[in-house]
């Protein structure tokens, strides 16, 4: 654990704020045996999706638009998930 901590990069929280960057981590291991509770949460989320209460934000780019997708990420204005579709999956 000590070796891992020593290898961890350091960062300046103020610079991250100025650059609109962040670090986020989750430890969900305590839910490992809570399958009934997680099922209830998924049922609630699915209901919200079906009712249009929450709307996923997905930005689709074709494999030939990888550069454009990267520019979108770099712009700092991207929201949601960015998905690159191969020509086999493109509709």
PDB file of N, CA and C in Angstrom:
ATOM      1  N   UNK A   1       0.818  -1.178   0.000  1.00  0.00           N
ATOM      2  CA  UNK A   1       0.000   0.000   0.000  1.00  0.00           C
ATOM      3  C   UNK A   1       0.874   1.259   0.000  1.00  0.00           C
ATOM      4  N   UNK A   2       1.932   1.218   0.773  1.00  0.00           N
ATOM      5  CA  UNK A   2       2.849   2.354   0.832  1.00  0.00           C
ATOM      6  C   UNK A   2       3.475   2.610  -0.536  1.00  0.00           C
ATOM      7  N   UNK A   3       3.882   1.530  -1.228  1.00  0.00           N
ATOM      8  CA  UNK A   3       4.478   1.678  -2.555  1.00  0.00           C
ATOM      9  C   UNK A   3       3.483   2.332  -3.515  1.00  0.00           C
ATOM     10  N   UNK A   4       2.220   1.907  -3.452  1.00  0.00           N
ATOM     11  CA  UNK A   4       1.182   2.502  -4.294  1.00  0.00           C
ATOM     12  C   UNK A   4       1.003   3.979  -4.006  1.00  0.00           C
ATOM     13  N   UNK A   5       1.039   4.344  -2.722  1.00  0.00           N
ATOM     14  CA  UNK A   5       0.894   5.745  -2.342  1.00  0.00           C
ATOM     15  C   UNK A   5       2.075   6.574  -2.837  1.00  0.00           C
ATOM     16  N   UNK A   6       3.265   5.988  -2.813  1.00  0.00           N
ATOM     17  CA  UNK A   6       4.453   6.714  -3.273  1.00  0.00           C
ATOM     18  C   UNK A   6       4.422   6.930  -4.787  1.00  0.00           C
ATOM     19  N   UNK A   7       3.834   5.998  -5.505  1.00  0.00           N
ATOM     20  CA  UNK A   7       3.762   6.118  -6.967  1.00  0.00           C
ATOM     21  C   UNK A   7       2.627   7.036  -7.421  1.00  0.00           C
ATOM     22  N   UNK A   8       1.721   7.361  -6.510  1.00  0.00           N
ATOM     23  CA  UNK A   8       0.574   8.176  -6.875  1.00  0.00           C
ATOM     24  C   UNK A   8       1.023   9.579  -7.264  1.00  0.00           C
ATOM     25  N   UNK A   9       0.538  10.080  -8.398  1.00  0.00           N
ATOM     26  CA  UNK A   9       0.947  11.428  -8.804  1.00  0.00           C
ATOM     27  C   UNK A   9       0.354  12.477  -7.869  1.00  0.00           C
ATOM     28  N   UNK A  10       1.083  13.550  -7.683  1.00  0.00           N
ATOM     29  CA  UNK A  10       0.575  14.645  -6.864  1.00  0.00           C
ATOM     30  C   UNK A  10      -0.109  15.655  -7.783  1.00  0.00           C
ATOM     31  N   UNK A  11      -0.971  16.460  -7.214  1.00  0.00           N
ATOM     32  CA  UNK A  11      -1.657  17.472  -8.009  1.00  0.00           C
ATOM     33  C   UNK A  11      -1.967  18.679  -7.138  1.00  0.00           C
ATOM     34  N   UNK A  12      -2.141  19.794  -7.798  1.00  0.00           N
ATOM     35  CA  UNK A  12      -2.491  21.045  -7.133  1.00  0.00           C
ATOM     36  C   UNK A  12      -3.989  21.246  -7.294  1.00  0.00           C
ATOM     37  N   UNK A  13      -4.733  21.143  -6.193  1.00  0.00           N
ATOM     38  CA  UNK A  13      -6.191  21.252  -6.247  1.00  0.00           C
ATOM     39  C   UNK A  13      -6.635  22.592  -6.833  1.00  0.00           C
ATOM     40  N   UNK A  14      -5.939  23.647  -6.554  1.00  0.00           N
ATOM     41  CA  UNK A  14      -6.319  24.959  -7.089  1.00  0.00           C
ATOM     42  C   UNK A  14      -6.164  24.996  -8.604  1.00  0.00           C
ATOM     43  N   UNK A  15      -5.081  24.424  -9.121  1.00  0.00           N
ATOM     44  CA  UNK A  15      -4.896  24.383 -10.573  1.00  0.00           C
ATOM     45  C   UNK A  15      -5.979  23.520 -11.227  1.00  0.00           C
ATOM     46  N   UNK A  16      -6.358  22.441 -10.563  1.00  0.00           N
ATOM     47  CA  UNK A  16      -7.431  21.608 -11.110  1.00  0.00           C
ATOM     48  C   UNK A  16      -8.724  22.410 -11.197  1.00  0.00           C
ATOM     49  N   UNK A  17      -8.995  23.219 -10.193  1.00  0.00           N
ATOM     50  CA  UNK A  17     -10.197  24.054 -10.202  1.00  0.00           C
ATOM     51  C   UNK A  17     -10.139  25.056 -11.352  1.00  0.00           C
ATOM     52  N   UNK A  18      -8.995  25.689 -11.517  1.00  0.00           N
ATOM     53  CA  UNK A  18      -8.849  26.680 -12.585  1.00  0.00           C
ATOM     54  C   UNK A  18      -8.948  26.044 -13.968  1.00  0.00           C
ATOM     55  N   UNK A  19      -8.532  24.780 -14.085  1.00  0.00           N
ATOM     56  CA  UNK A  19      -8.582  24.063 -15.364  1.00  0.00           C
ATOM     57  C   UNK A  19      -9.878  23.276 -15.550  1.00  0.00           C
ATOM     58  N   UNK A  20     -10.827  23.439 -14.618  1.00  0.00           N
ATOM     59  CA  UNK A  20     -12.102  22.710 -14.652  1.00  0.00           C
ATOM     60  C   UNK A  20     -11.886  21.205 -14.726  1.00  0.00           C
ATOM     61  N   UNK A  21     -11.035  20.704 -13.871  1.00  0.00           N
ATOM     62  CA  UNK A  21     -10.750  19.276 -13.790  1.00  0.00           C
ATOM     63  C   UNK A  21     -11.081  18.774 -12.392  1.00  0.00           C
ATOM     64  N   UNK A  22     -11.266  17.488 -12.273  1.00  0.00           N
ATOM     65  CA  UNK A  22     -11.592  16.935 -10.972  1.00  0.00           C
ATOM     66  C   UNK A  22     -11.152  15.490 -10.850  1.00  0.00           C
ATOM     67  N   UNK A  23     -11.113  15.022  -9.622  1.00  0.00           N
ATOM     68  CA  UNK A  23     -10.795  13.629  -9.318  1.00  0.00           C
ATOM     69  C   UNK A  23     -11.972  13.085  -8.527  1.00  0.00           C
ATOM     70  N   UNK A  24     -12.441  11.922  -8.935  1.00  0.00           N
ATOM     71  CA  UNK A  24     -13.600  11.330  -8.294  1.00  0.00           C
ATOM     72  C   UNK A  24     -13.377   9.844  -8.133  1.00  0.00           C
ATOM     73  N   UNK A  25     -13.737   9.306  -7.014  1.00  0.00           N
ATOM     74  CA  UNK A  25     -13.588   7.875  -6.796  1.00  0.00           C
ATOM     75  C   UNK A  25     -14.773   7.333  -6.024  1.00  0.00           C
ATOM     76  N   UNK A  26     -15.088   6.097  -6.288  1.00  0.00           N
ATOM     77  CA  UNK A  26     -16.193   5.438  -5.597  1.00  0.00           C
ATOM     78  C   UNK A  26     -15.713   4.115  -5.038  1.00  0.00           C
ATOM     79  N   UNK A  27     -16.162   3.789  -3.854  1.00  0.00           N
ATOM     80  CA  UNK A  27     -15.929   2.473  -3.280  1.00  0.00           C
ATOM     81  C   UNK A  27     -17.296   1.852  -3.044  1.00  0.00           C
ATOM     82  N   UNK A  28     -17.706   1.001  -3.954  1.00  0.00           N
ATOM     83  CA  UNK A  28     -19.017   0.376  -3.862  1.00  0.00           C
ATOM     84  C   UNK A  28     -18.941  -1.049  -3.326  1.00  0.00           C
ATOM     85  N   UNK A  29     -17.802  -1.418  -2.759  1.00  0.00           N
ATOM     86  CA  UNK A  29     -17.629  -2.796  -2.310  1.00  0.00           C
ATOM     87  C   UNK A  29     -18.604  -3.167  -1.196  1.00  0.00           C
ATOM     88  N   UNK A  30     -19.064  -2.184  -0.433  1.00  0.00           N
ATOM     89  CA  UNK A  30     -20.004  -2.496   0.638  1.00  0.00           C
ATOM     90  C   UNK A  30     -21.385  -2.876   0.111  1.00  0.00           C
ATOM     91  N   UNK A  31     -21.639  -2.697  -1.188  1.00  0.00           N
ATOM     92  CA  UNK A  31     -22.896  -3.127  -1.807  1.00  0.00           C
ATOM     93  C   UNK A  31     -22.814  -4.547  -2.367  1.00  0.00           C
ATOM     94  N   UNK A  32     -21.677  -5.195  -2.226  1.00  0.00           N
ATOM     95  CA  UNK A  32     -21.440  -6.491  -2.856  1.00  0.00           C
ATOM     96  C   UNK A  32     -22.559  -7.494  -2.590  1.00  0.00           C
ATOM     97  N   UNK A  33     -23.041  -7.576  -1.387  1.00  0.00           N
ATOM     98  CA  UNK A  33     -24.069  -8.555  -1.040  1.00  0.00           C
ATOM     99  C   UNK A  33     -25.470  -7.948  -0.973  1.00  0.00           C
ATOM    100  N   UNK A  34     -25.616  -6.731  -1.429  1.00  0.00           N
ATOM    101  CA  UNK A  34     -26.902  -6.025  -1.357  1.00  0.00           C
ATOM    102  C   UNK A  34     -27.660  -6.122  -2.684  1.00  0.00           C
ATOM    103  N   UNK A  35     -27.783  -7.331  -3.219  1.00  0.00           N
ATOM    104  CA  UNK A  35     -28.389  -7.493  -4.547  1.00  0.00           C
ATOM    105  C   UNK A  35     -29.855  -7.041  -4.575  1.00  0.00           C
ATOM    106  N   UNK A  36     -30.595  -7.271  -3.499  1.00  0.00           N
ATOM    107  CA  UNK A  36     -32.000  -6.848  -3.475  1.00  0.00           C
ATOM    108  C   UNK A  36     -32.099  -5.324  -3.502  1.00  0.00           C
ATOM    109  N   UNK A  37     -31.284  -4.650  -2.695  1.00  0.00           N
ATOM    110  CA  UNK A  37     -31.278  -3.190  -2.660  1.00  0.00           C
ATOM    111  C   UNK A  37     -30.867  -2.610  -4.003  1.00  0.00           C
ATOM    112  N   UNK A  38     -29.808  -3.160  -4.596  1.00  0.00           N
ATOM    113  CA  UNK A  38     -29.345  -2.679  -5.909  1.00  0.00           C
ATOM    114  C   UNK A  38     -30.439  -2.898  -6.954  1.00  0.00           C
ATOM    115  N   UNK A  39     -31.127  -4.037  -6.889  1.00  0.00           N
ATOM    116  CA  UNK A  39     -32.235  -4.304  -7.810  1.00  0.00           C
ATOM    117  C   UNK A  39     -33.326  -3.256  -7.692  1.00  0.00           C
ATOM    118  N   UNK A  40     -33.627  -2.845  -6.457  1.00  0.00           N
ATOM    119  CA  UNK A  40     -34.641  -1.806  -6.248  1.00  0.00           C
ATOM    120  C   UNK A  40     -34.186  -0.478  -6.864  1.00  0.00           C
ATOM    121  N   UNK A  41     -32.905  -0.145  -6.672  1.00  0.00           N
ATOM    122  CA  UNK A  41     -32.381   1.091  -7.260  1.00  0.00           C
ATOM    123  C   UNK A  41     -32.449   1.055  -8.785  1.00  0.00           C
ATOM    124  N   UNK A  42     -32.097  -0.090  -9.374  1.00  0.00           N
ATOM    125  CA  UNK A  42     -32.166  -0.199 -10.827  1.00  0.00           C
ATOM    126  C   UNK A  42     -33.601  -0.093 -11.324  1.00  0.00           C
ATOM    127  N   UNK A  43     -34.550  -0.659 -10.591  1.00  0.00           N
ATOM    128  CA  UNK A  43     -35.960  -0.535 -10.964  1.00  0.00           C
ATOM    129  C   UNK A  43     -36.394   0.932 -10.962  1.00  0.00           C
ATOM    130  N   UNK A  44     -35.960   1.674  -9.956  1.00  0.00           N
ATOM    131  CA  UNK A  44     -36.288   3.104  -9.885  1.00  0.00           C
ATOM    132  C   UNK A  44     -35.677   3.846 -11.072  1.00  0.00           C
ATOM    133  N   UNK A  45     -34.387   3.596 -11.327  1.00  0.00           N
ATOM    134  CA  UNK A  45     -33.710   4.270 -12.452  1.00  0.00           C
ATOM    135  C   UNK A  45     -34.365   3.933 -13.784  1.00  0.00           C
ATOM    136  N   UNK A  46     -34.689   2.659 -13.994  1.00  0.00           N
ATOM    137  CA  UNK A  46     -35.351   2.259 -15.238  1.00  0.00           C
ATOM    138  C   UNK A  46     -36.699   2.942 -15.393  1.00  0.00           C
ATOM    139  N   UNK A  47     -37.426   3.076 -14.298  1.00  0.00           N
ATOM    140  CA  UNK A  47     -38.700   3.800 -14.343  1.00  0.00           C
ATOM    141  C   UNK A  47     -38.506   5.245 -14.756  1.00  0.00           C
ATOM    142  N   UNK A  48     -37.498   5.884 -14.185  1.00  0.00           N
ATOM    143  CA  UNK A  48     -37.218   7.276 -14.549  1.00  0.00           C
ATOM    144  C   UNK A  48     -36.845   7.398 -16.014  1.00  0.00           C
ATOM    145  N   UNK A  49     -36.063   6.439 -16.518  1.00  0.00           N
ATOM    146  CA  UNK A  49     -35.703   6.452 -17.940  1.00  0.00           C
ATOM    147  C   UNK A  49     -36.938   6.293 -18.815  1.00  0.00           C
ATOM    148  N   UNK A  50     -37.800   5.334 -18.475  1.00  0.00           N
ATOM    149  CA  UNK A  50     -39.005   5.081 -19.254  1.00  0.00           C
ATOM    150  C   UNK A  50     -39.954   6.274 -19.235  1.00  0.00           C
ATOM    151  N   UNK A  51     -40.005   6.990 -18.122  1.00  0.00           N
ATOM    152  CA  UNK A  51     -40.884   8.155 -17.996  1.00  0.00           C
ATOM    153  C   UNK A  51     -40.270   9.427 -18.570  1.00  0.00           C
ATOM    154  N   UNK A  52     -39.008   9.365 -18.951  1.00  0.00           N
ATOM    155  CA  UNK A  52     -38.340  10.541 -19.487  1.00  0.00           C
ATOM    156  C   UNK A  52     -37.922  11.531 -18.424  1.00  0.00           C
ATOM    157  N   UNK A  53     -37.925  11.104 -17.161  1.00  0.00           N
ATOM    158  CA  UNK A  53     -37.505  11.986 -16.072  1.00  0.00           C
ATOM    159  C   UNK A  53     -36.010  12.249 -16.147  1.00  0.00           C
ATOM    160  N   UNK A  54     -35.254  11.216 -16.485  1.00  0.00           N
ATOM    161  CA  UNK A  54     -33.821  11.393 -16.739  1.00  0.00           C
ATOM    162  C   UNK A  54     -33.549  10.979 -18.177  1.00  0.00           C
ATOM    163  N   UNK A  55     -32.689  11.709 -18.816  1.00  0.00           N
ATOM    164  CA  UNK A  55     -32.348  11.450 -20.210  1.00  0.00           C
ATOM    165  C   UNK A  55     -30.848  11.273 -20.336  1.00  0.00           C
ATOM    166  N   UNK A  56     -30.413  10.122 -20.821  1.00  0.00           N
ATOM    167  CA  UNK A  56     -28.968   9.941 -20.992  1.00  0.00           C
ATOM    168  C   UNK A  56     -28.455  10.838 -22.115  1.00  0.00           C
ATOM    169  N   UNK A  57     -27.282  11.358 -21.930  1.00  0.00           N
ATOM    170  CA  UNK A  57     -26.640  12.201 -22.945  1.00  0.00           C
ATOM    171  C   UNK A  57     -25.538  11.383 -23.595  1.00  0.00           C
ATOM    172  N   UNK A  58     -25.738  11.010 -24.851  1.00  0.00           N
ATOM    173  CA  UNK A  58     -24.771  10.193 -25.582  1.00  0.00           C
ATOM    174  C   UNK A  58     -24.383  10.938 -26.853  1.00  0.00           C
ATOM    175  N   UNK A  59     -23.097  11.122 -27.044  1.00  0.00           N
ATOM    176  CA  UNK A  59     -22.562  11.764 -28.246  1.00  0.00           C
ATOM    177  C   UNK A  59     -21.985  10.679 -29.137  1.00  0.00           C
ATOM    178  N   UNK A  60     -22.608  10.424 -30.273  1.00  0.00           N
ATOM    179  CA  UNK A  60     -22.166   9.372 -31.181  1.00  0.00           C
ATOM    180  C   UNK A  60     -21.264   9.935 -32.269  1.00  0.00           C
ATOM    181  N   UNK A  61     -20.154   9.259 -32.489  1.00  0.00           N
ATOM    182  CA  UNK A  61     -19.229   9.605 -33.560  1.00  0.00           C
ATOM    183  C   UNK A  61     -18.895   8.335 -34.317  1.00  0.00           C
ATOM    184  N   UNK A  62     -18.770   8.446 -35.617  1.00  0.00           N
ATOM    185  CA  UNK A  62     -18.344   7.310 -36.419  1.00  0.00           C
ATOM    186  C   UNK A  62     -16.847   7.103 -36.277  1.00  0.00           C
ATOM    187  N   UNK A  63     -16.396   5.928 -36.673  1.00  0.00           N
ATOM    188  CA  UNK A  63     -14.968   5.613 -36.573  1.00  0.00           C
ATOM    189  C   UNK A  63     -14.133   6.612 -37.383  1.00  0.00           C
ATOM    190  N   UNK A  64     -14.731   7.163 -38.434  1.00  0.00           N
ATOM    191  CA  UNK A  64     -14.027   8.149 -39.254  1.00  0.00           C
ATOM    192  C   UNK A  64     -14.036   9.544 -38.622  1.00  0.00           C
ATOM    193  N   UNK A  65     -14.696   9.687 -37.464  1.00  0.00           N
ATOM    194  CA  UNK A  65     -14.788  10.975 -36.785  1.00  0.00           C
ATOM    195  C   UNK A  65     -14.045  10.984 -35.447  1.00  0.00           C
ATOM    196  N   UNK A  66     -13.082  10.090 -35.296  1.00  0.00           N
ATOM    197  CA  UNK A  66     -12.350   9.998 -34.033  1.00  0.00           C
ATOM    198  C   UNK A  66     -11.691  11.332 -33.701  1.00  0.00           C
ATOM    199  N   UNK A  67     -11.112  11.982 -34.674  1.00  0.00           N
ATOM    200  CA  UNK A  67     -10.481  13.288 -34.442  1.00  0.00           C
ATOM    201  C   UNK A  67     -11.479  14.315 -33.946  1.00  0.00           C
ATOM    202  N   UNK A  68     -12.653  14.311 -34.552  1.00  0.00           N
ATOM    203  CA  UNK A  68     -13.717  15.232 -34.137  1.00  0.00           C
ATOM    204  C   UNK A  68     -14.163  14.930 -32.703  1.00  0.00           C
ATOM    205  N   UNK A  69     -14.279  13.638 -32.371  1.00  0.00           N
ATOM    206  CA  UNK A  69     -14.665  13.238 -31.014  1.00  0.00           C
ATOM    207  C   UNK A  69     -13.610  13.708 -30.012  1.00  0.00           C
ATOM    208  N   UNK A  70     -12.350  13.559 -30.373  1.00  0.00           N
ATOM    209  CA  UNK A  70     -11.270  13.996 -29.482  1.00  0.00           C
ATOM    210  C   UNK A  70     -11.306  15.504 -29.294  1.00  0.00           C
ATOM    211  N   UNK A  71     -11.554  16.239 -30.347  1.00  0.00           N
ATOM    212  CA  UNK A  71     -11.679  17.696 -30.225  1.00  0.00           C
ATOM    213  C   UNK A  71     -12.839  18.063 -29.306  1.00  0.00           C
ATOM    214  N   UNK A  72     -13.915  17.295 -29.423  1.00  0.00           N
ATOM    215  CA  UNK A  72     -15.091  17.533 -28.566  1.00  0.00           C
ATOM    216  C   UNK A  72     -14.721  17.356 -27.091  1.00  0.00           C
ATOM    217  N   UNK A  73     -13.970  16.302 -26.777  1.00  0.00           N
ATOM    218  CA  UNK A  73     -13.525  16.083 -25.402  1.00  0.00           C
ATOM    219  C   UNK A  73     -12.617  17.228 -24.954  1.00  0.00           C
ATOM    220  N   UNK A  74     -11.668  17.576 -25.807  1.00  0.00           N
ATOM    221  CA  UNK A  74     -10.681  18.611 -25.462  1.00  0.00           C
ATOM    222  C   UNK A  74     -11.322  19.987 -25.297  1.00  0.00           C
ATOM    223  N   UNK A  75     -12.486  20.213 -25.904  1.00  0.00           N
ATOM    224  CA  UNK A  75     -13.130  21.522 -25.835  1.00  0.00           C
ATOM    225  C   UNK A  75     -13.557  21.888 -24.420  1.00  0.00           C
ATOM    226  N   UNK A  76     -13.706  20.877 -23.568  1.00  0.00           N
ATOM    227  CA  UNK A  76     -14.170  21.137 -22.210  1.00  0.00           C
ATOM    228  C   UNK A  76     -15.667  21.366 -22.132  1.00  0.00           C
ATOM    229  N   UNK A  77     -16.352  21.238 -23.252  1.00  0.00           N
ATOM    230  CA  UNK A  77     -17.793  21.466 -23.295  1.00  0.00           C
ATOM    231  C   UNK A  77     -18.588  20.176 -23.455  1.00  0.00           C
ATOM    232  N   UNK A  78     -17.894  19.048 -23.459  1.00  0.00           N
ATOM    233  CA  UNK A  78     -18.597  17.780 -23.657  1.00  0.00           C
ATOM    234  C   UNK A  78     -19.376  17.410 -22.409  1.00  0.00           C
ATOM    235  N   UNK A  79     -20.523  16.819 -22.617  1.00  0.00           N
ATOM    236  CA  UNK A  79     -21.352  16.317 -21.528  1.00  0.00           C
ATOM    237  C   UNK A  79     -21.773  14.911 -21.877  1.00  0.00           C
ATOM    238  N   UNK A  80     -21.944  14.065 -20.887  1.00  0.00           N
ATOM    239  CA  UNK A  80     -22.397  12.706 -21.133  1.00  0.00           C
ATOM    240  C   UNK A  80     -21.280  11.816 -21.627  1.00  0.00           C
ATOM    241  N   UNK A  81     -21.672  10.772 -22.311  1.00  0.00           N
ATOM    242  CA  UNK A  81     -20.721   9.782 -22.810  1.00  0.00           C
ATOM    243  C   UNK A  81     -20.442  10.014 -24.283  1.00  0.00           C
ATOM    244  N   UNK A  82     -19.215   9.787 -24.659  1.00  0.00           N
ATOM    245  CA  UNK A  82     -18.804   9.887 -26.060  1.00  0.00           C
ATOM    246  C   UNK A  82     -18.570   8.473 -26.554  1.00  0.00           C
ATOM    247  N   UNK A  83     -19.270   8.102 -27.610  1.00  0.00           N
ATOM    248  CA  UNK A  83     -19.228   6.744 -28.136  1.00  0.00           C
ATOM    249  C   UNK A  83     -18.725   6.777 -29.570  1.00  0.00           C
ATOM    250  N   UNK A  84     -17.733   5.937 -29.863  1.00  0.00           N
ATOM    251  CA  UNK A  84     -17.232   5.766 -31.224  1.00  0.00           C
ATOM    252  C   UNK A  84     -17.841   4.483 -31.771  1.00  0.00           C
ATOM    253  N   UNK A  85     -18.574   4.601 -32.863  1.00  0.00           N
ATOM    254  CA  UNK A  85     -19.190   3.431 -33.478  1.00  0.00           C
ATOM    255  C   UNK A  85     -18.385   2.999 -34.697  1.00  0.00           C
ATOM    256  N   UNK A  86     -18.188   1.709 -34.816  1.00  0.00           N
ATOM    257  CA  UNK A  86     -17.554   1.184 -36.020  1.00  0.00           C
ATOM    258  C   UNK A  86     -18.602   1.112 -37.110  1.00  0.00           C
ATOM    259  N   UNK A  87     -18.180   0.983 -38.346  1.00  0.00           N
ATOM    260  CA  UNK A  87     -19.134   0.934 -39.455  1.00  0.00           C
ATOM    261  C   UNK A  87     -20.067  -0.274 -39.340  1.00  0.00           C
ATOM    262  N   UNK A  88     -19.643  -1.330 -38.660  1.00  0.00           N
ATOM    263  CA  UNK A  88     -20.491  -2.511 -38.475  1.00  0.00           C
ATOM    264  C   UNK A  88     -21.672  -2.230 -37.574  1.00  0.00           C
ATOM    265  N   UNK A  89     -21.514  -1.286 -36.636  1.00  0.00           N
ATOM    266  CA  UNK A  89     -22.568  -1.010 -35.665  1.00  0.00           C
ATOM    267  C   UNK A  89     -23.387   0.214 -36.000  1.00  0.00           C
ATOM    268  N   UNK A  90     -22.936   1.023 -36.924  1.00  0.00           N
ATOM    269  CA  UNK A  90     -23.588   2.283 -37.234  1.00  0.00           C
ATOM    270  C   UNK A  90     -24.928   2.050 -37.903  1.00  0.00           C
ATOM    271  N   UNK A  91     -25.924   2.766 -37.455  1.00  0.00           N
ATOM    272  CA  UNK A  91     -27.281   2.637 -38.018  1.00  0.00           C
ATOM    273  C   UNK A  91     -27.605   3.776 -38.921  1.00  0.00           C
TER     274      UNK A  91
END
